[in-house]
C-alpha cells in the first residue's frame, strides 16, 4: 500500500477484496422472535465509509460514539471509518434476510453480505431477501443525530475560532506525487516524539517546526496548532476541490484525546447553520465532499494530540495536524519511560517495565541486563 501511495506517479493501491463481519465472510445471525436487540455497529475499516442495511427491518439509533441520542429510526446507516453507532433491532419480521454494507464514494466498489434469520425457521442464504441500496450520492448527515432531550447539558461559549481547509495537492502535472494537506501543509512526523519536545523544552511552540520543503503544491511541515487549557474552540472545516480536476471526497476526521460537539455539517450549497441546543458529542465526524463542518472542542485534556483523517491512505499522505498544550501543563513522564529521538535514548528492558510496575507478582522471568 505504502509503495503505491509514495510512487511517482501516484498509484491507488486498490479496493478491498473481502468484507468480513466480526472476522467472518457471510456470517449467519439468528434472532429470537419478539426480542429487541442492542446492536453495536463499528466501522473498523481503513478506506471507505459504508451504507449498512438489514432487509425487512428498521433500526432505531440510540447512541453514537459514547453519546446517547434521541431515538432515530432509519432504514440505512452511513458509517465511516472510526465511527461507532448503537441501534435497537426489533425481531418482529420472521424470514430470511440479507444484511448488506456496501462501500460508498467515487472509485469505491464492493459489498459485504451477512444473513439474518429467526430461531425455529429455516434460512437459505441463496434465497435471502435483499434490500435495495440507496445510490452512492445520497448524503447521510450525521447531524440528524441529536442528544437525548431528557439529559440536559450546557454547551460552553467558544472563545476562539480556527479555520481548517482540506485539499489534495501534487508536485506537478507530470508523474506527480500526490498528498493531502490541511491549511496547505502536508503533515510530516518529526524525529523526536512531540510530547518529549514540549515536555523537556517548555519553550517549544508550533513555530519551532518550520516548513521542511516545498515541491509544487506540496508543502511539508510538522503542522501544530497550540492551544491552552480551558480554551473552547470552534473548528470550521472546509473541504476544497483539488486544482487539476476540481474533484474531492469525504473525510472521516478524528480527534485524539477529546470528544467534541458536532454543531453542524453540510454540502457545498448548504448554508452554515449551527445546532447550539442539543448536538451530539463525538470524536469522529464526516466532512462531506465539497462541504463544511463545525465542531466545538473544550480543551480539558493536556497532551499532544493528533487530529487526522481516519482513511488510513489519507492519513499516510499527510492529512493530519497536532493540537498541542503548553509543555508546562503536561503530566510528568514516568521515570522508567524510554526516551528516544534527539534526546538521549535509554533502552529499557520490557520485563523490567512490567515487573517494576507490578511488584506483587510472585514469579519473575529471567532476563539479560543490557
Protein backbone atom coordinates (compact mmCIF):
# COMPACT_ATOMS: atom_id res chain seq x y z
CA UNK A 1 0.00 0.00 0.00
CA UNK A 2 2.68 2.50 1.02
CA UNK A 3 4.61 1.86 -2.18
CA UNK A 4 1.64 2.97 -4.26
CA UNK A 5 0.92 5.99 -2.07
CA UNK A 6 4.54 7.15 -2.32
CA UNK A 7 5.01 6.30 -6.02
CA UNK A 8 5.67 8.75 -8.82
CA UNK A 9 3.25 8.77 -10.47
CA UNK A 10 0.83 8.02 -7.64
CA UNK A 11 -0.80 4.58 -7.77
CA UNK A 12 -4.05 3.84 -5.97
CA UNK A 13 -3.49 0.57 -4.03
CA UNK A 14 -6.97 -0.71 -4.93
CA UNK A 15 -10.20 -1.57 -3.16
CA UNK A 16 -10.54 -4.38 -0.58
CA UNK A 17 -11.37 -7.84 -1.87
CA UNK A 18 -13.18 -9.10 1.24
CA UNK A 19 -15.70 -7.59 3.66
CA UNK A 20 -15.89 -9.68 6.83
CA UNK A 21 -18.34 -9.05 9.64
CA UNK A 22 -16.74 -9.80 13.02
CA UNK A 23 -13.95 -11.50 11.10
CA UNK A 24 -16.25 -13.84 9.16
CA UNK A 25 -17.25 -13.70 5.50
CA UNK A 26 -21.02 -14.03 5.05
CA UNK A 27 -21.96 -14.98 8.64
CA UNK A 28 -25.45 -16.10 9.66
CA UNK A 29 -27.16 -14.39 12.60
CA UNK A 30 -30.16 -15.97 14.30
CA UNK A 31 -32.71 -13.92 16.27
CA UNK A 32 -35.24 -14.98 18.86
CA UNK A 33 -38.67 -13.74 17.77
CA UNK A 34 -40.20 -10.76 19.62
CA UNK A 35 -36.95 -9.81 21.32
CA UNK A 36 -35.29 -6.41 20.98
CA UNK A 37 -31.53 -6.46 20.43
CA UNK A 38 -28.99 -3.71 21.02
CA UNK A 39 -26.52 -3.82 18.12
CA UNK A 40 -23.16 -2.07 18.33
CA UNK A 41 -22.02 -1.16 14.81
CA UNK A 42 -18.35 -0.24 14.30
CA UNK A 43 -16.58 0.64 11.07
CA UNK A 44 -13.13 -0.77 11.76
CA UNK A 45 -12.03 -0.30 8.15
CA UNK A 46 -9.24 1.84 6.78
CA UNK A 47 -10.53 3.03 3.40
CA UNK A 48 -14.24 3.57 2.95
CA UNK A 49 -17.46 4.53 4.61
CA UNK A 50 -20.30 2.03 4.23
CA UNK A 51 -24.03 2.02 3.84
CA UNK A 52 -25.39 -0.56 6.30
CA UNK A 53 -28.83 -2.09 5.84
CA UNK A 54 -30.89 -5.00 7.17
CA UNK A 55 -33.61 -6.08 4.75
CA UNK A 56 -37.09 -6.29 6.23
CA UNK A 57 -36.18 -4.31 9.34
CA UNK A 58 -35.71 -0.76 10.52
CA UNK A 59 -33.06 0.31 13.03
CA UNK A 60 -33.50 2.78 15.88
CA UNK A 61 -30.25 4.62 16.65
CA UNK A 62 -29.85 5.34 20.38
CA UNK A 63 -26.12 6.05 20.80
CA UNK A 64 -23.13 7.28 18.81
CA UNK A 65 -19.50 7.31 20.00
CA UNK A 66 -20.37 7.48 23.67
CA UNK A 67 -23.29 9.93 23.38
CA UNK A 68 -26.86 8.80 23.99
CA UNK A 69 -29.03 10.14 21.18
CA UNK A 70 -32.66 10.95 20.78
CA UNK A 71 -34.03 7.73 19.21
CA UNK A 72 -33.90 7.98 15.42
CA UNK A 73 -35.48 5.22 13.33
CA UNK A 74 -33.86 4.67 9.93
CA UNK A 75 -33.67 2.03 7.21
CA UNK A 76 -29.99 2.52 6.47
CA UNK A 77 -26.93 3.88 8.30
CA UNK A 78 -23.92 5.50 6.72
CA UNK A 79 -20.94 4.71 8.95
CA UNK A 80 -17.45 5.97 8.30
CA UNK A 81 -14.02 4.72 9.34
CA UNK A 82 -13.66 5.00 13.10
CA UNK A 83 -17.33 5.78 13.73
CA UNK A 84 -19.49 3.75 16.13
CA UNK A 85 -23.27 3.59 16.36
CA UNK A 86 -25.64 1.60 18.58
CA UNK A 87 -29.16 0.78 17.42
CA UNK A 88 -32.14 -1.23 18.59
CA UNK A 89 -33.31 -4.04 16.33
CA UNK A 90 -36.76 -5.48 16.94
CA UNK A 91 -37.07 -9.13 15.91
CA UNK A 92 -40.60 -8.77 14.59
CA UNK A 93 -40.43 -9.92 10.97
CA UNK A 94 -39.55 -13.63 10.65
CA UNK A 95 -37.94 -14.62 7.39
CA UNK A 96 -34.57 -14.91 5.71
CA UNK A 97 -32.96 -11.55 5.19
CA UNK A 98 -29.76 -10.05 3.85
CA UNK A 99 -27.56 -7.72 5.86
CA UNK A 100 -25.58 -5.59 3.41
CA UNK A 101 -22.85 -3.00 3.83
CA UNK A 102 -21.58 -1.52 0.60
CA UNK A 103 -18.71 0.88 0.05
CA UNK A 104 -19.58 4.48 -0.79
CA UNK A 105 -17.80 7.13 -2.77
CA UNK A 106 -16.11 7.66 -6.16
CA UNK A 107 -13.96 4.73 -7.20
CA UNK A 108 -15.11 2.59 -4.30
CA UNK A 109 -16.71 -0.75 -5.07
CA UNK A 110 -17.59 -3.83 -3.07
CA UNK A 111 -20.34 -5.06 -0.80
CA UNK A 112 -20.26 -7.19 2.31
CA UNK A 113 -23.15 -9.56 2.93
CA UNK A 114 -24.38 -11.39 6.03
CA UNK A 115 -27.64 -13.21 6.68
CA UNK A 116 -30.34 -12.77 9.29
CA UNK A 117 -32.83 -15.47 10.27
CA UNK A 118 -35.08 -16.45 13.16
CA UNK A 119 -34.91 -19.33 15.60
CA UNK A 120 -37.36 -22.06 14.73
CA UNK A 121 -37.38 -21.32 11.00
CA UNK A 122 -35.01 -22.19 8.18
CA UNK A 123 -32.96 -19.68 6.22
CA UNK A 124 -31.34 -20.48 2.89
CA UNK A 125 -28.81 -17.68 2.19
CA UNK A 126 -29.21 -18.19 -1.56
CA UNK A 127 -32.86 -17.16 -1.23
CA UNK A 128 -32.44 -14.40 1.33
CA UNK A 129 -34.41 -11.23 0.62
CA UNK A 130 -32.14 -8.33 -0.27
CA UNK A 131 -32.51 -4.62 0.40
CA UNK A 132 -32.45 -2.11 -2.45
CA UNK A 133 -29.45 0.05 -1.59
CA UNK A 134 -29.65 3.83 -1.90
CA UNK A 135 -27.38 5.37 -4.51
CA UNK A 136 -23.85 6.37 -3.51
CA UNK A 137 -24.52 10.09 -3.94
CA UNK A 138 -27.18 10.19 -1.25
CA UNK A 139 -25.88 12.14 1.72
CA UNK A 140 -26.14 10.82 5.26
CA UNK A 141 -25.94 13.81 7.57
CA UNK A 142 -24.57 12.85 10.96
CA UNK A 143 -26.18 15.94 12.45
CA UNK A 144 -29.57 14.20 12.16
CA UNK A 145 -28.48 12.60 15.44
CA UNK A 146 -29.06 14.84 18.47
CA UNK A 147 -28.58 14.38 22.20
CA UNK A 148 -31.42 12.96 24.28
CA UNK A 149 -33.83 15.63 25.44
CA UNK A 150 -34.12 14.09 28.92
CA UNK A 151 -30.37 14.54 29.55
CA UNK A 152 -29.92 18.33 29.61
CA UNK A 153 -26.44 19.83 29.40
CA UNK A 154 -24.83 23.19 28.76
CA UNK A 155 -22.58 23.88 25.80
CA UNK A 156 -19.86 26.36 26.78
CA UNK A 157 -19.42 29.50 24.72
CA UNK A 158 -16.41 29.48 22.43
CA UNK A 159 -13.55 31.93 22.85
CA UNK A 160 -11.60 31.01 19.73
CA UNK A 161 -12.24 30.07 16.10
CA UNK A 162 -9.82 28.12 13.88
CA UNK A 163 -10.48 27.61 10.15
CA UNK A 164 -9.12 24.46 8.51
CA UNK A 165 -9.03 23.99 4.74
CA UNK A 166 -8.63 20.42 3.47
CA UNK A 167 -7.30 19.83 -0.03
CA UNK A 168 -5.45 17.30 -2.17
CA UNK A 169 -2.16 18.56 -3.61
CA UNK A 170 0.52 17.33 -6.01
CA UNK A 171 4.06 18.04 -7.13
CA UNK A 172 3.14 18.82 -10.74
CA UNK A 173 1.32 17.61 -13.83
CA UNK A 174 3.96 15.06 -14.95
CA UNK A 175 4.36 11.81 -12.96
CA UNK A 176 3.15 13.53 -9.82
CA UNK A 177 3.46 12.64 -6.19
CA UNK A 178 0.07 13.25 -4.60
CA UNK A 179 -0.56 14.20 -0.96
CA UNK A 180 -3.27 15.66 1.25
CA UNK A 181 -2.99 18.95 3.06
CA UNK A 182 -4.65 20.93 5.85
CA UNK A 183 -4.20 24.70 5.58
CA UNK A 184 -1.77 23.94 2.74
CA UNK A 185 0.53 21.81 4.95
CA UNK A 186 1.22 18.11 4.37
CA UNK A 187 2.00 16.63 7.77
CA UNK A 188 5.42 15.10 8.44
CA UNK A 189 6.24 13.30 11.69
CA UNK A 190 9.31 14.69 13.47
CA UNK A 191 12.31 12.60 14.52
CA UNK A 192 11.61 13.24 18.18
CA UNK A 193 8.14 12.48 19.59
CA UNK A 194 6.39 15.81 20.03
CA UNK A 195 5.37 15.09 23.58
CA UNK A 196 9.07 14.95 24.54
CA UNK A 197 9.85 18.15 22.67
CA UNK A 198 7.13 20.03 24.52
CA UNK A 199 7.75 18.40 27.89
CA UNK A 200 11.53 18.69 28.09
CA UNK A 201 11.69 22.11 26.43
CA UNK A 202 8.71 24.16 27.68
CA UNK A 203 9.52 26.96 25.24
CA UNK A 204 8.58 24.69 22.32
CA UNK A 205 5.69 26.03 20.22
CA UNK A 206 4.23 25.47 16.76
CA UNK A 207 6.73 28.00 15.38
CA UNK A 208 9.55 25.66 16.46
CA UNK A 209 8.62 23.48 13.46
CA UNK A 210 9.12 25.46 10.23
CA UNK A 211 8.40 24.35 6.68
CA UNK A 212 10.70 21.46 5.71
CA UNK A 213 10.47 21.65 1.93
CA UNK A 214 8.20 22.66 -0.92
CA UNK A 215 7.64 20.93 -4.26
CA UNK A 216 4.83 22.13 -6.48
CA UNK A 217 1.71 22.37 -4.32
CA UNK A 218 3.15 20.15 -1.59
CA UNK A 219 4.42 21.99 1.48
CA UNK A 220 5.77 19.57 4.08
CA UNK A 221 5.69 20.56 7.73
CA UNK A 222 5.04 19.20 11.19
CA UNK A 223 1.83 21.22 11.41
CA UNK A 224 0.93 22.08 15.01
CA UNK A 225 -1.81 24.26 16.47
CA UNK A 226 -1.04 25.44 20.00
CA UNK A 227 -3.99 25.62 22.39
CA UNK A 228 -4.36 26.46 26.08
CA UNK A 229 -6.10 24.56 28.84
CA UNK A 230 -9.60 25.96 29.22
CA UNK A 231 -9.96 27.14 25.62
CA UNK A 232 -13.31 26.48 23.96
CA UNK A 233 -12.55 26.33 20.26
CA UNK A 234 -14.81 26.25 17.21
CA UNK A 235 -13.07 24.41 14.38
CA UNK A 236 -14.51 25.26 10.96
CA UNK A 237 -13.56 22.60 8.39
CA UNK A 238 -13.88 23.31 4.65
CA UNK A 239 -13.37 20.59 2.03
CA UNK A 240 -11.85 22.19 -1.08
CA UNK A 241 -11.56 20.71 -4.60
CA UNK A 242 -8.11 19.90 -5.92
CA UNK A 243 -6.65 22.20 -8.55
CA UNK A 244 -6.30 19.91 -11.55
CA UNK A 245 -9.81 18.50 -11.99
CA UNK A 246 -11.82 20.11 -9.15
CA UNK A 247 -12.61 16.76 -7.53
CA UNK A 248 -12.61 15.98 -3.84
CA UNK A 249 -14.05 13.36 -1.49
CA UNK A 250 -15.47 12.97 2.00
CA UNK A 251 -13.24 12.56 5.07
CA UNK A 252 -13.87 10.98 8.49
CA UNK A 253 -12.00 13.38 10.76
CA UNK A 254 -10.87 12.01 14.14
CA UNK A 255 -9.57 13.87 17.21
CA UNK A 256 -7.35 12.01 19.67
CA UNK A 257 -7.76 12.76 23.36
CA UNK A 258 -11.03 14.67 23.06
CA UNK A 259 -14.68 14.42 22.23
CA UNK A 260 -16.38 17.49 20.79
CA UNK A 261 -19.81 18.80 19.95
CA UNK A 262 -20.72 18.40 16.29
CA UNK A 263 -22.53 21.68 15.69
CA UNK A 264 -23.26 21.27 12.00
CA UNK A 265 -22.19 19.99 8.60
CA UNK A 266 -23.42 20.18 5.04
CA UNK A 267 -22.65 20.17 1.36
CA UNK A 268 -21.34 22.92 -0.88
CA UNK A 269 -24.71 24.61 -1.30
CA UNK A 270 -25.81 24.23 2.32
CA UNK A 271 -25.56 27.40 4.42
CA UNK A 272 -23.58 27.14 7.65
CA UNK A 273 -26.12 26.73 10.45
CA UNK A 274 -25.19 25.56 13.93
CA UNK A 275 -27.08 23.47 16.48
CA UNK A 276 -26.29 25.04 19.86
CA UNK A 277 -29.16 23.31 21.66
CA UNK A 278 -28.69 19.53 21.56
CA UNK A 279 -25.72 18.48 19.37
CA UNK A 280 -24.13 15.09 19.93
CA UNK A 281 -20.64 14.81 21.40
CA UNK A 282 -18.35 12.52 19.39
CA UNK A 283 -14.69 12.05 18.49
CA UNK A 284 -15.11 11.39 14.73
CA UNK A 285 -17.27 13.13 12.14
CA UNK A 286 -17.71 13.03 8.39
CA UNK A 287 -16.61 16.09 6.43
CA UNK A 288 -18.75 15.97 3.26
CA UNK A 289 -17.18 16.26 -0.19
CA UNK A 290 -17.11 19.95 -1.21
CA UNK A 291 -18.74 20.63 2.14
CA UNK A 292 -18.16 22.04 5.60
CA UNK A 293 -18.43 21.04 9.24
CA UNK A 294 -18.16 22.87 12.54
CA UNK A 295 -17.15 21.27 15.84
CA UNK A 296 -16.72 22.82 19.28
CA UNK A 297 -13.96 21.44 21.48
CA UNK A 298 -13.32 22.14 25.15
CA UNK A 299 -9.58 21.96 25.82
CA UNK A 300 -9.58 19.98 29.06
CA UNK A 301 -7.07 17.17 28.48
CA UNK A 302 -3.44 18.38 28.38
CA UNK A 303 -1.27 16.49 25.96
CA UNK A 304 -0.01 16.39 22.39
CA UNK A 305 -2.91 15.07 20.31
CA UNK A 306 -3.19 14.02 16.67
CA UNK A 307 -6.13 15.10 14.53
CA UNK A 308 -6.34 13.22 11.24
CA UNK A 309 -8.47 11.73 8.52
CA UNK A 310 -9.44 8.19 9.54
CA UNK A 311 -8.95 6.93 5.99
CA UNK A 312 -5.54 5.34 6.52
CA UNK A 313 -4.46 6.22 2.98
CA UNK A 314 -5.16 9.93 3.57
CA UNK A 315 -3.50 9.93 6.98
CA UNK A 316 -0.40 8.34 5.46
CA UNK A 317 -0.45 11.01 2.74
CA UNK A 318 -0.23 13.85 5.27
CA UNK A 319 -3.84 14.73 6.14
CA UNK A 320 -3.22 15.50 9.80
CA UNK A 321 -2.21 18.11 12.33
CA UNK A 322 -1.45 18.22 16.04
CA UNK A 323 -3.17 20.01 18.91
CA UNK A 324 -0.51 20.88 21.49
CA UNK A 325 -0.95 22.14 25.05
CA UNK A 326 1.94 24.11 26.61
CA UNK A 327 4.71 21.90 27.95
CA UNK A 328 4.24 23.21 31.50
CA UNK A 329 0.72 21.70 31.58
CA UNK A 330 1.74 18.18 30.56
CA UNK A 331 1.69 15.33 33.11
CA UNK A 332 5.04 14.08 34.38
CA UNK A 333 6.87 11.46 32.33
CA UNK A 334 7.39 8.19 34.28
CA UNK A 335 10.99 7.69 35.41
CA UNK A 336 11.27 4.33 33.63
CA UNK A 337 9.91 5.55 30.31
CA UNK A 338 12.20 5.07 27.28
CA UNK A 339 13.13 8.43 25.72
CA UNK A 340 14.43 8.49 22.14
CA UNK A 341 14.91 10.85 19.24
CA UNK A 342 17.20 13.84 19.57
CA UNK A 343 17.16 13.25 23.32
CA UNK A 344 19.47 10.59 24.75
CA UNK A 345 17.93 7.16 24.30
CA UNK A 346 17.68 4.83 27.27
CA UNK A 347 16.98 1.21 26.36
CA UNK A 348 14.58 -0.23 28.90
CA UNK A 349 14.04 -3.96 29.32
CA UNK A 350 10.36 -4.63 28.76
CA UNK A 351 10.32 -7.17 31.59
CA UNK A 352 11.70 -4.53 33.96
CA UNK A 353 8.92 -2.18 32.90
CA UNK A 354 6.27 -4.81 33.57
CA UNK A 355 7.59 -6.26 36.78
CA UNK A 356 8.61 -2.96 38.36
CA UNK A 357 5.05 -1.76 37.88
CA UNK A 358 3.64 -5.00 39.30
CA UNK A 359 5.84 -5.84 42.33
CA UNK A 360 3.18 -8.08 43.85
CA UNK A 361 3.77 -10.75 41.20
CA UNK A 362 5.38 -13.82 42.73
CA UNK A 363 7.28 -15.10 39.74
CA UNK A 364 9.65 -13.08 37.63
CA UNK A 365 11.17 -14.42 34.38
CA UNK A 366 14.93 -14.39 33.92
CA UNK A 367 16.26 -11.75 31.55
CA UNK A 368 19.65 -10.41 30.47
CA UNK A 369 20.90 -7.00 31.54
CA UNK A 370 21.84 -4.78 28.57
